[in-house]
C-alpha atoms as a PDB file:
ATOM      1  CA  UNK A   1       0.025  -0.057  -0.133  1.00  0.00           C
ATOM      2  CA  UNK A   2       0.848   3.810   0.038  1.00  0.00           C
ATOM      3  CA  UNK A   3       1.070   4.837   3.148  1.00  0.00           C
ATOM      4  CA  UNK A   4       1.773   8.527   4.666  1.00  0.00           C
ATOM      5  CA  UNK A   5       4.436  10.030   5.831  1.00  0.00           C
ATOM      6  CA  UNK A   6       7.769   7.909   6.254  1.00  0.00           C
ATOM      7  CA  UNK A   7       6.066   4.925   5.694  1.00  0.00           C
ATOM      8  CA  UNK A   8       3.553   5.289   8.687  1.00  0.00           C
ATOM      9  CA  UNK A   9      -0.671   4.158   8.618  1.00  0.00           C
ATOM     10  CA  UNK A  10      -2.960   7.511   8.471  1.00  0.00           C
ATOM     11  CA  UNK A  11      -5.303   6.907  11.281  1.00  0.00           C
ATOM     12  CA  UNK A  12      -8.636   8.733  11.533  1.00  0.00           C
ATOM     13  CA  UNK A  13     -10.562   7.993  14.512  1.00  0.00           C
ATOM     14  CA  UNK A  14     -14.436   8.194  14.060  1.00  0.00           C
ATOM     15  CA  UNK A  15     -15.793   8.333  17.328  1.00  0.00           C
ATOM     16  CA  UNK A  16     -14.373   9.663  20.346  1.00  0.00           C
ATOM     17  CA  UNK A  17     -16.301   8.046  23.071  1.00  0.00           C
ATOM     18  CA  UNK A  18     -14.922   6.370  25.943  1.00  0.00           C
ATOM     19  CA  UNK A  19     -13.525   3.441  24.261  1.00  0.00           C
ATOM     20  CA  UNK A  20     -11.215   6.025  22.243  1.00  0.00           C
ATOM     21  CA  UNK A  21      -8.967   6.434  24.851  1.00  0.00           C
ATOM     22  CA  UNK A  22      -8.037   3.669  24.936  1.00  0.00           C
ATOM     23  CA  UNK A  23      -7.052   3.722  21.472  1.00  0.00           C
ATOM     24  CA  UNK A  24      -5.504   7.063  21.184  1.00  0.00           C
ATOM     25  CA  UNK A  25      -3.188   5.736  24.045  1.00  0.00           C
ATOM     26  CA  UNK A  26      -2.641   2.948  21.259  1.00  0.00           C
ATOM     27  CA  UNK A  27      -1.486   5.258  18.606  1.00  0.00           C
ATOM     28  CA  UNK A  28       0.297   7.219  20.846  1.00  0.00           C
ATOM     29  CA  UNK A  29       2.624   4.009  21.596  1.00  0.00           C
ATOM     30  CA  UNK A  30       3.458   3.255  17.888  1.00  0.00           C
ATOM     31  CA  UNK A  31       4.734   6.488  16.569  1.00  0.00           C
ATOM     32  CA  UNK A  32       7.281   4.766  14.597  1.00  0.00           C
ATOM     33  CA  UNK A  33       3.905   3.099  12.372  1.00  0.00           C
ATOM     34  CA  UNK A  34       1.069   5.212  13.003  1.00  0.00           C
ATOM     35  CA  UNK A  35       0.296   8.897  12.278  1.00  0.00           C
ATOM     36  CA  UNK A  36      -3.042   9.953  14.293  1.00  0.00           C
ATOM     37  CA  UNK A  37      -4.193  12.331  11.452  1.00  0.00           C
ATOM     38  CA  UNK A  38      -7.858  13.243  12.204  1.00  0.00           C
ATOM     39  CA  UNK A  39     -11.092  12.482  14.310  1.00  0.00           C
ATOM     40  CA  UNK A  40     -14.768  12.881  13.585  1.00  0.00           C
ATOM     41  CA  UNK A  41     -17.066  13.204  16.334  1.00  0.00           C
ATOM     42  CA  UNK A  42     -20.089  15.394  16.655  1.00  0.00           C
ATOM     43  CA  UNK A  43     -19.175  16.411  20.077  1.00  0.00           C
ATOM     44  CA  UNK A  44     -16.763  18.853  19.742  1.00  0.00           C
ATOM     45  CA  UNK A  45     -15.679  18.673  23.060  1.00  0.00           C
ATOM     46  CA  UNK A  46     -15.281  14.980  23.095  1.00  0.00           C
ATOM     47  CA  UNK A  47     -12.996  14.673  19.798  1.00  0.00           C
ATOM     48  CA  UNK A  48     -10.612  17.989  21.481  1.00  0.00           C
ATOM     49  CA  UNK A  49     -10.105  15.638  24.084  1.00  0.00           C
ATOM     50  CA  UNK A  50      -8.790  12.686  21.976  1.00  0.00           C
ATOM     51  CA  UNK A  51      -6.426  15.034  20.508  1.00  0.00           C
ATOM     52  CA  UNK A  52      -4.913  16.654  23.464  1.00  0.00           C
ATOM     53  CA  UNK A  53      -2.255  18.664  22.496  1.00  0.00           C
ATOM     54  CA  UNK A  54      -1.496  17.435  19.049  1.00  0.00           C
ATOM     55  CA  UNK A  55      -3.027  20.192  16.978  1.00  0.00           C
ATOM     56  CA  UNK A  56      -1.892  18.304  13.493  1.00  0.00           C
ATOM     57  CA  UNK A  57      -5.164  16.344  14.409  1.00  0.00           C
ATOM     58  CA  UNK A  58      -8.114  17.267  12.061  1.00  0.00           C
ATOM     59  CA  UNK A  59     -10.989  17.651  13.173  1.00  0.00           C
ATOM     60  CA  UNK A  60     -14.411  16.865  11.978  1.00  0.00           C
ATOM     61  CA  UNK A  61     -18.243  16.841  12.968  1.00  0.00           C
ATOM     62  CA  UNK A  62     -19.272  13.879  10.182  1.00  0.00           C
ATOM     63  CA  UNK A  63     -16.803  10.917   9.463  1.00  0.00           C
ATOM     64  CA  UNK A  64     -18.307  11.221   5.920  1.00  0.00           C
ATOM     65  CA  UNK A  65     -16.353  14.896   5.566  1.00  0.00           C
ATOM     66  CA  UNK A  66     -13.127  13.183   7.271  1.00  0.00           C
ATOM     67  CA  UNK A  67     -13.146  10.328   5.045  1.00  0.00           C
ATOM     68  CA  UNK A  68     -14.165  12.877   1.464  1.00  0.00           C
ATOM     69  CA  UNK A  69     -11.273  15.015   2.689  1.00  0.00           C
ATOM     70  CA  UNK A  70      -8.653  12.517   2.018  1.00  0.00           C
ATOM     71  CA  UNK A  71      -5.060  12.300   3.291  1.00  0.00           C
ATOM     72  CA  UNK A  72      -5.981   8.923   5.530  1.00  0.00           C
ATOM     73  CA  UNK A  73      -4.951   5.146   4.730  1.00  0.00           C
ATOM     74  CA  UNK A  74      -7.171   3.561   7.338  1.00  0.00           C
ATOM     75  CA  UNK A  75     -10.354   4.446  10.379  1.00  0.00           C
ATOM     76  CA  UNK A  76     -10.676   3.394  13.460  1.00  0.00           C
ATOM     77  CA  UNK A  77     -14.185   2.756  14.320  1.00  0.00           C
ATOM     78  CA  UNK A  78     -15.226   3.750  17.891  1.00  0.00           C
ATOM     79  CA  UNK A  79     -19.308   4.187  17.466  1.00  0.00           C
ATOM     80  CA  UNK A  80     -22.219   2.444  19.293  1.00  0.00           C
ATOM     81  CA  UNK A  81     -22.914  -0.662  18.020  1.00  0.00           C
ATOM     82  CA  UNK A  82     -25.935   0.529  15.808  1.00  0.00           C
ATOM     83  CA  UNK A  83     -23.380   2.530  14.199  1.00  0.00           C
ATOM     84  CA  UNK A  84     -21.074   0.363  12.732  1.00  0.00           C
ATOM     85  CA  UNK A  85     -22.196  -1.134   9.920  1.00  0.00           C
ATOM     86  CA  UNK A  86     -22.679   2.156   7.846  1.00  0.00           C
ATOM     87  CA  UNK A  87     -19.341   3.408   8.449  1.00  0.00           C
ATOM     88  CA  UNK A  88     -17.220   0.415   7.722  1.00  0.00           C
ATOM     89  CA  UNK A  89     -18.623   0.398   4.291  1.00  0.00           C
ATOM     90  CA  UNK A  90     -18.263   3.905   3.407  1.00  0.00           C
ATOM     91  CA  UNK A  91     -14.835   3.610   4.685  1.00  0.00           C
ATOM     92  CA  UNK A  92     -14.234   0.491   2.218  1.00  0.00           C
ATOM     93  CA  UNK A  93     -15.736   1.776  -0.645  1.00  0.00           C
ATOM     94  CA  UNK A  94     -13.193   5.227  -0.202  1.00  0.00           C
ATOM     95  CA  UNK A  95     -10.550   2.282  -0.796  1.00  0.00           C
ATOM     96  CA  UNK A  96      -9.211   2.391   3.424  1.00  0.00           C
ATOM     97  CA  UNK A  97      -8.565  -0.074   5.790  1.00  0.00           C
ATOM     98  CA  UNK A  98     -10.561  -0.556   8.945  1.00  0.00           C
ATOM     99  CA  UNK A  99     -10.297  -1.466  12.110  1.00  0.00           C
ATOM    100  CA  UNK A 100     -13.863  -1.719  14.368  1.00  0.00           C
ATOM    101  CA  UNK A 101     -14.601  -2.320  17.555  1.00  0.00           C
ATOM    102  CA  UNK A 102     -17.296  -5.033  18.815  1.00  0.00           C
ATOM    103  CA  UNK A 103     -19.362  -6.133  17.444  1.00  0.00           C
ATOM    104  CA  UNK A 104     -18.541  -5.830  13.907  1.00  0.00           C
ATOM    105  CA  UNK A 105     -22.392  -5.437  12.956  1.00  0.00           C
ATOM    106  CA  UNK A 106     -25.604  -6.096  14.299  1.00  0.00           C
ATOM    107  CA  UNK A 107     -27.760  -7.987  11.549  1.00  0.00           C
ATOM    108  CA  UNK A 108     -26.444 -10.636   9.072  1.00  0.00           C
ATOM    109  CA  UNK A 109     -27.593  -8.573   6.605  1.00  0.00           C
ATOM    110  CA  UNK A 110     -25.218  -5.899   7.663  1.00  0.00           C
ATOM    111  CA  UNK A 111     -22.836  -8.306   7.625  1.00  0.00           C
ATOM    112  CA  UNK A 112     -23.311  -9.808   4.151  1.00  0.00           C
ATOM    113  CA  UNK A 113     -23.034  -5.693   3.372  1.00  0.00           C
ATOM    114  CA  UNK A 114     -19.216  -5.631   4.838  1.00  0.00           C
ATOM    115  CA  UNK A 115     -18.292  -8.416   3.573  1.00  0.00           C
ATOM    116  CA  UNK A 116     -19.478  -7.876  -0.084  1.00  0.00           C
ATOM    117  CA  UNK A 117     -17.769  -3.865   0.630  1.00  0.00           C
ATOM    118  CA  UNK A 118     -13.997  -5.955   1.289  1.00  0.00           C
ATOM    119  CA  UNK A 119     -14.270  -8.191  -1.392  1.00  0.00           C
ATOM    120  CA  UNK A 120     -15.308  -5.301  -4.094  1.00  0.00           C
ATOM    121  CA  UNK A 121     -12.704  -2.639  -2.868  1.00  0.00           C
ATOM    122  CA  UNK A 122      -9.850  -4.774  -1.637  1.00  0.00           C
ATOM    123  CA  UNK A 123      -9.511  -3.275   1.953  1.00  0.00           C
ATOM    124  CA  UNK A 124      -8.122  -5.164   5.148  1.00  0.00           C
ATOM    125  CA  UNK A 125     -11.187  -4.935   7.876  1.00  0.00           C
ATOM    126  CA  UNK A 126      -9.654  -6.067  11.512  1.00  0.00           C
ATOM    127  CA  UNK A 127     -11.906  -6.652  14.324  1.00  0.00           C
ATOM    128  CA  UNK A 128     -10.630  -4.660  17.374  1.00  0.00           C
ATOM    129  CA  UNK A 129     -10.494  -8.045  19.647  1.00  0.00           C
ATOM    130  CA  UNK A 130      -8.082  -6.602  22.277  1.00  0.00           C
ATOM    131  CA  UNK A 131      -7.965  -9.559  24.366  1.00  0.00           C
ATOM    132  CA  UNK A 132      -6.407 -11.887  21.643  1.00  0.00           C
ATOM    133  CA  UNK A 133      -3.266  -9.543  22.472  1.00  0.00           C
ATOM    134  CA  UNK A 134      -2.833 -10.727  26.273  1.00  0.00           C
ATOM    135  CA  UNK A 135       0.687 -12.604  26.301  1.00  0.00           C
ATOM    136  CA  UNK A 136      -0.775 -15.927  28.281  1.00  0.00           C
ATOM    137  CA  UNK A 137      -4.022 -16.001  25.375  1.00  0.00           C
ATOM    138  CA  UNK A 138      -0.974 -15.341  22.590  1.00  0.00           C
ATOM    139  CA  UNK A 139       1.199 -18.347  24.538  1.00  0.00           C
ATOM    140  CA  UNK A 140      -1.738 -20.705  25.267  1.00  0.00           C
ATOM    141  CA  UNK A 141      -2.534 -20.128  21.180  1.00  0.00           C
ATOM    142  CA  UNK A 142       0.913 -20.977  20.583  1.00  0.00           C
ATOM    143  CA  UNK A 143       0.808 -24.065  22.252  1.00  0.00           C
ATOM    144  CA  UNK A 144      -2.460 -25.494  20.849  1.00  0.00           C
ATOM    145  CA  UNK A 145      -1.076 -24.654  17.247  1.00  0.00           C
ATOM    146  CA  UNK A 146       1.975 -26.609  17.882  1.00  0.00           C
ATOM    147  CA  UNK A 147       0.129 -29.546  18.366  1.00  0.00           C
ATOM    148  CA  UNK A 148       1.319 -30.542  21.826  1.00  0.00           C
ATOM    149  CA  UNK A 149      -1.823 -30.788  23.309  1.00  0.00           C
ATOM    150  CA  UNK A 150      -3.424 -33.179  20.280  1.00  0.00           C
ATOM    151  CA  UNK A 151      -6.748 -32.410  19.326  1.00  0.00           C
ATOM    152  CA  UNK A 152      -8.989 -30.061  21.447  1.00  0.00           C
ATOM    153  CA  UNK A 153     -12.068 -31.596  22.671  1.00  0.00           C
ATOM    154  CA  UNK A 154     -13.461 -28.302  24.779  1.00  0.00           C
ATOM    155  CA  UNK A 155     -13.185 -24.831  25.725  1.00  0.00           C
ATOM    156  CA  UNK A 156     -13.785 -22.544  28.440  1.00  0.00           C
ATOM    157  CA  UNK A 157     -14.037 -18.708  28.634  1.00  0.00           C
ATOM    158  CA  UNK A 158     -15.136 -16.324  31.293  1.00  0.00           C
ATOM    159  CA  UNK A 159     -15.814 -12.398  31.109  1.00  0.00           C
ATOM    160  CA  UNK A 160     -17.829 -11.108  33.796  1.00  0.00           C
ATOM    161  CA  UNK A 161     -17.643  -8.249  36.181  1.00  0.00           C
ATOM    162  CA  UNK A 162     -20.097  -6.252  38.646  1.00  0.00           C
ATOM    163  CA  UNK A 163     -21.042  -3.546  36.222  1.00  0.00           C
ATOM    164  CA  UNK A 164     -22.281  -0.325  38.371  1.00  0.00           C
ATOM    165  CA  UNK A 165     -24.533   0.937  35.364  1.00  0.00           C
ATOM    166  CA  UNK A 166     -27.619   2.156  35.950  1.00  0.00           C
ATOM    167  CA  UNK A 167     -30.514   3.635  34.242  1.00  0.00           C
ATOM    168  CA  UNK A 168     -29.141   7.626  33.790  1.00  0.00           C
ATOM    169  CA  UNK A 169     -25.528   6.589  32.804  1.00  0.00           C
ATOM    170  CA  UNK A 170     -25.966   2.850  30.722  1.00  0.00           C
ATOM    171  CA  UNK A 171     -27.308   5.160  27.863  1.00  0.00           C
ATOM    172  CA  UNK A 172     -27.495   3.435  24.222  1.00  0.00           C
ATOM    173  CA  UNK A 173     -26.794   0.174  25.704  1.00  0.00           C
ATOM    174  CA  UNK A 174     -30.125  -0.174  27.681  1.00  0.00           C
ATOM    175  CA  UNK A 175     -31.785   0.054  24.110  1.00  0.00           C
ATOM    176  CA  UNK A 176     -31.537  -3.336  22.147  1.00  0.00           C
ATOM    177  CA  UNK A 177     -32.484  -1.192  19.113  1.00  0.00           C
ATOM    178  CA  UNK A 178     -28.515   0.971  19.567  1.00  0.00           C
ATOM    179  CA  UNK A 179     -27.050  -2.018  21.310  1.00  0.00           C
ATOM    180  CA  UNK A 180     -28.474  -5.596  19.154  1.00  0.00           C
ATOM    181  CA  UNK A 181     -29.073  -6.826  22.374  1.00  0.00           C
ATOM    182  CA  UNK A 182     -27.724  -6.634  26.281  1.00  0.00           C
ATOM    183  CA  UNK A 183     -24.747  -7.961  28.121  1.00  0.00           C
ATOM    184  CA  UNK A 184     -23.426 -11.007  25.273  1.00  0.00           C
ATOM    185  CA  UNK A 185     -22.838  -8.929  22.234  1.00  0.00           C
ATOM    186  CA  UNK A 186     -21.160  -6.255  24.656  1.00  0.00           C
ATOM    187  CA  UNK A 187     -18.568  -7.110  27.307  1.00  0.00           C
ATOM    188  CA  UNK A 188     -20.145 -11.487  26.284  1.00  0.00           C
ATOM    189  CA  UNK A 189     -18.102 -10.546  22.881  1.00  0.00           C
ATOM    190  CA  UNK A 190     -14.813 -11.107  24.688  1.00  0.00           C
ATOM    191  CA  UNK A 191     -15.166 -14.771  25.750  1.00  0.00           C
ATOM    192  CA  UNK A 192     -17.142 -15.366  22.445  1.00  0.00           C
ATOM    193  CA  UNK A 193     -13.965 -14.145  20.327  1.00  0.00           C
ATOM    194  CA  UNK A 194     -11.497 -15.736  22.457  1.00  0.00           C
ATOM    195  CA  UNK A 195     -13.245 -19.048  22.151  1.00  0.00           C
ATOM    196  CA  UNK A 196     -13.535 -18.752  18.647  1.00  0.00           C
ATOM    197  CA  UNK A 197      -9.834 -18.277  18.880  1.00  0.00           C
ATOM    198  CA  UNK A 198      -8.821 -21.434  20.717  1.00  0.00           C
ATOM    199  CA  UNK A 199     -11.925 -23.611  18.956  1.00  0.00           C
ATOM    200  CA  UNK A 200     -10.043 -23.261  15.491  1.00  0.00           C
ATOM    201  CA  UNK A 201     -13.501 -24.481  13.689  1.00  0.00           C
ATOM    202  CA  UNK A 202     -16.437 -22.770  12.464  1.00  0.00           C
ATOM    203  CA  UNK A 203     -19.410 -22.352  14.996  1.00  0.00           C
ATOM    204  CA  UNK A 204     -22.434 -25.006  13.632  1.00  0.00           C
ATOM    205  CA  UNK A 205     -24.686 -24.993  16.494  1.00  0.00           C
ATOM    206  CA  UNK A 206     -25.465 -23.193  19.855  1.00  0.00           C
ATOM    207  CA  UNK A 207     -27.600 -23.355  23.133  1.00  0.00           C
ATOM    208  CA  UNK A 208     -28.131 -20.771  25.398  1.00  0.00           C
ATOM    209  CA  UNK A 209     -29.805 -19.367  28.752  1.00  0.00           C
ATOM    210  CA  UNK A 210     -29.770 -15.519  29.364  1.00  0.00           C
ATOM    211  CA  UNK A 211     -30.779 -13.886  31.700  1.00  0.00           C
ATOM    212  CA  UNK A 212     -31.409 -10.647  33.866  1.00  0.00           C
ATOM    213  CA  UNK A 213     -29.953 -10.798  37.595  1.00  0.00           C
ATOM    214  CA  UNK A 214     -30.135  -7.426  38.527  1.00  0.00           C
ATOM    215  CA  UNK A 215     -29.698  -4.858  35.703  1.00  0.00           C
ATOM    216  CA  UNK A 216     -33.697  -4.694  35.636  1.00  0.00           C
ATOM    217  CA  UNK A 217     -33.694  -1.761  33.489  1.00  0.00           C
ATOM    218  CA  UNK A 218     -31.970  -3.041  30.657  1.00  0.00           C
ATOM    219  CA  UNK A 219     -34.177  -4.600  27.661  1.00  0.00           C
ATOM    220  CA  UNK A 220     -31.347  -6.630  27.171  1.00  0.00           C
ATOM    221  CA  UNK A 221     -29.496  -9.865  29.565  1.00  0.00           C
ATOM    222  CA  UNK A 222     -27.081  -8.686  31.906  1.00  0.00           C
ATOM    223  CA  UNK A 223     -25.423 -12.537  32.132  1.00  0.00           C
ATOM    224  CA  UNK A 224     -25.534 -15.713  29.762  1.00  0.00           C
ATOM    225  CA  UNK A 225     -24.518 -19.034  29.671  1.00  0.00           C
ATOM    226  CA  UNK A 226     -23.288 -20.073  25.663  1.00  0.00           C
ATOM    227  CA  UNK A 227     -22.675 -23.452  24.632  1.00  0.00           C
ATOM    228  CA  UNK A 228     -21.084 -23.949  21.105  1.00  0.00           C
ATOM    229  CA  UNK A 229     -20.490 -26.629  18.975  1.00  0.00           C
ATOM    230  CA  UNK A 230     -17.912 -26.459  16.325  1.00  0.00           C
ATOM    231  CA  UNK A 231     -17.510 -28.233  12.672  1.00  0.00           C
ATOM    232  CA  UNK A 232     -13.967 -29.914  13.882  1.00  0.00           C
ATOM    233  CA  UNK A 233     -16.098 -31.378  16.848  1.00  0.00           C
ATOM    234  CA  UNK A 234     -15.038 -28.730  19.836  1.00  0.00           C
ATOM    235  CA  UNK A 235     -17.750 -28.085  22.320  1.00  0.00           C
ATOM    236  CA  UNK A 236     -17.478 -24.435  23.620  1.00  0.00           C
ATOM    237  CA  UNK A 237     -18.845 -22.879  27.162  1.00  0.00           C
ATOM    238  CA  UNK A 238     -19.362 -19.333  27.691  1.00  0.00           C
ATOM    239  CA  UNK A 239     -19.966 -17.544  30.884  1.00  0.00           C
ATOM    240  CA  UNK A 240     -20.620 -13.397  31.112  1.00  0.00           C
ATOM    241  CA  UNK A 241     -22.462 -11.145  33.073  1.00  0.00           C
ATOM    242  CA  UNK A 242     -22.166  -7.456  34.195  1.00  0.00           C
ATOM    243  CA  UNK A 243     -24.565  -8.389  37.540  1.00  0.00           C
ATOM    244  CA  UNK A 244     -21.801 -10.108  39.169  1.00  0.00           C
ATOM    245  CA  UNK A 245     -17.828 -11.202  39.745  1.00  0.00           C
ATOM    246  CA  UNK A 246     -16.983 -14.800  39.418  1.00  0.00           C
ATOM    247  CA  UNK A 247     -16.487 -16.870  41.790  1.00  0.00           C
ATOM    248  CA  UNK A 248     -12.590 -17.323  43.120  1.00  0.00           C
ATOM    249  CA  UNK A 249     -10.354 -19.484  41.372  1.00  0.00           C
ATOM    250  CA  UNK A 250     -12.699 -19.292  37.831  1.00  0.00           C
ATOM    251  CA  UNK A 251     -10.495 -19.260  34.515  1.00  0.00           C
ATOM    252  CA  UNK A 252     -10.406 -16.704  32.576  1.00  0.00           C
ATOM    253  CA  UNK A 253      -9.952 -19.310  30.000  1.00  0.00           C
ATOM    254  CA  UNK A 254      -9.081 -23.068  29.850  1.00  0.00           C
ATOM    255  CA  UNK A 255      -8.736 -26.330  27.287  1.00  0.00           C
ATOM    256  CA  UNK A 256      -8.506 -29.663  27.567  1.00  0.00           C
ATOM    257  CA  UNK A 257      -7.454 -31.904  24.835  1.00  0.00           C
ATOM    258  CA  UNK A 258      -6.125 -35.287  23.622  1.00  0.00           C
ATOM    259  CA  UNK A 259      -2.595 -34.953  25.880  1.00  0.00           C
ATOM    260  CA  UNK A 260      -3.536 -32.762  28.366  1.00  0.00           C
ATOM    261  CA  UNK A 261      -5.062 -29.299  29.259  1.00  0.00           C
ATOM    262  CA  UNK A 262      -4.088 -25.450  30.025  1.00  0.00           C
ATOM    263  CA  UNK A 263      -5.943 -23.019  31.942  1.00  0.00           C
ATOM    264  CA  UNK A 264      -5.285 -19.090  32.753  1.00  0.00           C
ATOM    265  CA  UNK A 265      -6.388 -16.275  34.960  1.00  0.00           C
ATOM    266  CA  UNK A 266      -5.397 -14.230  32.085  1.00  0.00           C
ATOM    267  CA  UNK A 267      -1.797 -13.424  33.826  1.00  0.00           C
ATOM    268  CA  UNK A 268      -0.439 -16.589  34.211  1.00  0.00           C
ATOM    269  CA  UNK A 269      -0.494 -20.005  32.431  1.00  0.00           C
ATOM    270  CA  UNK A 270      -0.954 -23.756  33.329  1.00  0.00           C
ATOM    271  CA  UNK A 271       0.030 -26.516  31.234  1.00  0.00           C
ATOM    272  CA  UNK A 272      -0.545 -29.868  31.827  1.00  0.00           C
ATOM    273  CA  UNK A 273       0.636 -32.931  29.667  1.00  0.00           C
ATOM    274  CA  UNK A 274      -0.879 -35.809  30.761  1.00  0.00           C
ATOM    275  CA  UNK A 275       2.274 -37.929  32.664  1.00  0.00           C
ATOM    276  CA  UNK A 276       4.135 -34.759  33.072  1.00  0.00           C
ATOM    277  CA  UNK A 277       4.853 -32.267  35.830  1.00  0.00           C
ATOM    278  CA  UNK A 278       2.268 -29.439  35.494  1.00  0.00           C
ATOM    279  CA  UNK A 279       4.235 -26.187  34.228  1.00  0.00           C
ATOM    280  CA  UNK A 280       2.892 -22.995  35.249  1.00  0.00           C
ATOM    281  CA  UNK A 281       4.002 -19.439  33.706  1.00  0.00           C
ATOM    282  CA  UNK A 282       3.730 -16.065  34.436  1.00  0.00           C
ATOM    283  CA  UNK A 283       3.453 -13.036  32.151  1.00  0.00           C
ATOM    284  CA  UNK A 284       3.783  -9.174  32.668  1.00  0.00           C
ATOM    285  CA  UNK A 285       0.567  -7.121  31.615  1.00  0.00           C
ATOM    286  CA  UNK A 286       1.297  -5.242  27.879  1.00  0.00           C
ATOM    287  CA  UNK A 287      -0.684  -2.843  26.725  1.00  0.00           C
ATOM    288  CA  UNK A 288      -3.461  -4.542  24.479  1.00  0.00           C
ATOM    289  CA  UNK A 289      -4.425  -1.513  22.345  1.00  0.00           C
ATOM    290  CA  UNK A 290      -1.148  -0.572  21.656  1.00  0.00           C
ATOM    291  CA  UNK A 291      -0.479  -4.323  20.808  1.00  0.00           C
ATOM    292  CA  UNK A 292      -3.381  -4.228  18.382  1.00  0.00           C
ATOM    293  CA  UNK A 293      -3.008  -1.115  16.570  1.00  0.00           C
ATOM    294  CA  UNK A 294       0.609  -2.344  15.922  1.00  0.00           C
ATOM    295  CA  UNK A 295      -0.735  -5.227  14.593  1.00  0.00           C
ATOM    296  CA  UNK A 296      -2.993  -3.398  12.115  1.00  0.00           C
ATOM    297  CA  UNK A 297      -0.346  -0.807  11.056  1.00  0.00           C
ATOM    298  CA  UNK A 298       2.063  -3.934  10.484  1.00  0.00           C
ATOM    299  CA  UNK A 299      -1.050  -5.787   8.430  1.00  0.00           C
ATOM    300  CA  UNK A 300      -2.237  -2.457   6.315  1.00  0.00           C
ATOM    301  CA  UNK A 301       1.803  -2.448   5.230  1.00  0.00           C
ATOM    302  CA  UNK A 302       2.922  -5.321   4.583  1.00  0.00           C
ATOM    303  CA  UNK A 303      -0.605  -6.779   3.131  1.00  0.00           C
ATOM    304  CA  UNK A 304      -0.877  -9.420   5.508  1.00  0.00           C
ATOM    305  CA  UNK A 305      -4.052 -11.199   7.098  1.00  0.00           C
ATOM    306  CA  UNK A 306      -5.305  -9.727  10.825  1.00  0.00           C
ATOM    307  CA  UNK A 307      -5.601 -12.036  13.141  1.00  0.00           C
ATOM    308  CA  UNK A 308      -9.061 -11.916  13.397  1.00  0.00           C
ATOM    309  CA  UNK A 309     -10.977 -10.298  10.324  1.00  0.00           C
ATOM    310  CA  UNK A 310     -14.654  -9.409   9.304  1.00  0.00           C
ATOM    311  CA  UNK A 311     -14.602 -13.062   8.881  1.00  0.00           C
ATOM    312  CA  UNK A 312     -13.928 -14.424  12.342  1.00  0.00           C
ATOM    313  CA  UNK A 313     -16.468 -10.989  13.559  1.00  0.00           C
ATOM    314  CA  UNK A 314     -19.094 -12.379  11.647  1.00  0.00           C
ATOM    315  CA  UNK A 315     -19.017 -16.151  12.698  1.00  0.00           C
ATOM    316  CA  UNK A 316     -18.799 -14.597  16.332  1.00  0.00           C
ATOM    317  CA  UNK A 317     -22.301 -13.098  15.749  1.00  0.00           C
ATOM    318  CA  UNK A 318     -23.730 -15.474  13.991  1.00  0.00           C
ATOM    319  CA  UNK A 319     -23.293 -17.258  17.571  1.00  0.00           C
ATOM    320  CA  UNK A 320     -24.753 -14.387  19.233  1.00  0.00           C
ATOM    321  CA  UNK A 321     -28.146 -14.161  17.217  1.00  0.00           C
ATOM    322  CA  UNK A 322     -28.164 -18.118  17.326  1.00  0.00           C
ATOM    323  CA  UNK A 323     -27.677 -17.759  21.193  1.00  0.00           C
ATOM    324  CA  UNK A 324     -30.862 -15.173  21.489  1.00  0.00           C
ATOM    325  CA  UNK A 325     -33.002 -17.482  19.455  1.00  0.00           C
ATOM    326  CA  UNK A 326     -32.130 -20.262  21.514  1.00  0.00           C
ATOM    327  CA  UNK A 327     -32.750 -17.846  25.096  1.00  0.00           C
ATOM    328  CA  UNK A 328     -35.788 -17.309  23.392  1.00  0.00           C
ATOM    329  CA  UNK A 329     -37.050 -20.535  21.959  1.00  0.00           C
ATOM    330  CA  UNK A 330     -35.649 -23.085  24.713  1.00  0.00           C
ATOM    331  CA  UNK A 331     -33.983 -25.434  21.823  1.00  0.00           C
ATOM    332  CA  UNK A 332     -30.738 -25.899  20.140  1.00  0.00           C
ATOM    333  CA  UNK A 333     -30.110 -23.029  17.163  1.00  0.00           C
ATOM    334  CA  UNK A 334     -28.067 -23.093  13.939  1.00  0.00           C
ATOM    335  CA  UNK A 335     -25.483 -20.877  13.512  1.00  0.00           C
ATOM    336  CA  UNK A 336     -25.945 -18.799  10.508  1.00  0.00           C
ATOM    337  CA  UNK A 337     -23.006 -16.158   9.410  1.00  0.00           C
ATOM    338  CA  UNK A 338     -25.553 -14.642   6.140  1.00  0.00           C
ATOM    339  CA  UNK A 339     -28.397 -13.734   5.341  1.00  0.00           C
ATOM    340  CA  UNK A 340     -28.961 -15.910   2.174  1.00  0.00           C
ATOM    341  CA  UNK A 341     -31.095 -18.154   2.535  1.00  0.00           C
ATOM    342  CA  UNK A 342     -29.434 -22.333   2.971  1.00  0.00           C
ATOM    343  CA  UNK A 343     -29.218 -24.460   0.153  1.00  0.00           C
ATOM    344  CA  UNK A 344     -31.537 -26.852  -0.217  1.00  0.00           C
ATOM    345  CA  UNK A 345     -30.411 -30.171   1.141  1.00  0.00           C
ATOM    346  CA  UNK A 346     -30.551 -33.445  -1.130  1.00  0.00           C
END
């Protein structure tokens, strides 16, 4: 690709709300390969806060104006959930690469439109799945991929915390029309993409139980238990909640496989191979968003495939939509990743 100054990726930030602060911190930690070029947000004060003292960062009220002005190689989308798809497609149709916060989009129609935009424009779309860059996750994935554990049987992931949301401070997340659901499509998205990362297959069916334990003012669930079967035989289990902290000793992720198992609390990794002594490795924390931004920029500059693209993002969305169907009907739901009608059998 032709990048900006001195081989840097010129990024325009779309949406200057809360999570954008972590993304901007990621830009600042990668000055050799990232140029923070512009911000688009209708709230001027929010854009100015993200710009800080860097007067070279251009400010726009509308991301369409920012895209039309040129001078960018990529955009980073940090908008409310229901606005993701339109922004992704607008950027892709302008030939810009895309880093997008989770969830990628809310419906399979939107997913199809995003896939089509990526294909017709030849751009990179990366899902901003920051937890993939935790050192314990990377070490566990490398071990699984090495074959040392053999075939994976089951994976478990957890992401729960006591959320202090109220009706007054929850904002757009309280309505399903703007959030896409409840906790599962928000924080629950994290353990689902970790599940996808370790399972190594495509999701095929889902059984779910959704609950509203404490945050009664929400339209959607504040907690979810989800079982996922993958096409390679792996079975995954997700526990996620805004209603409670997990019990002491609960793993962030774990898996059992043909030759052993592993588990992690996010900072340590415990590995047990059958017939061998257990091994424990501890890791220093990293700035996940800095690692994420660096990976995105390197993929854009070198023409590489990101760790998880819109393809994985759509598969995670398929699991979420199937979980909502399962929770509503009380049955096992098939995972779909396109709005197109399934091909007839036989």
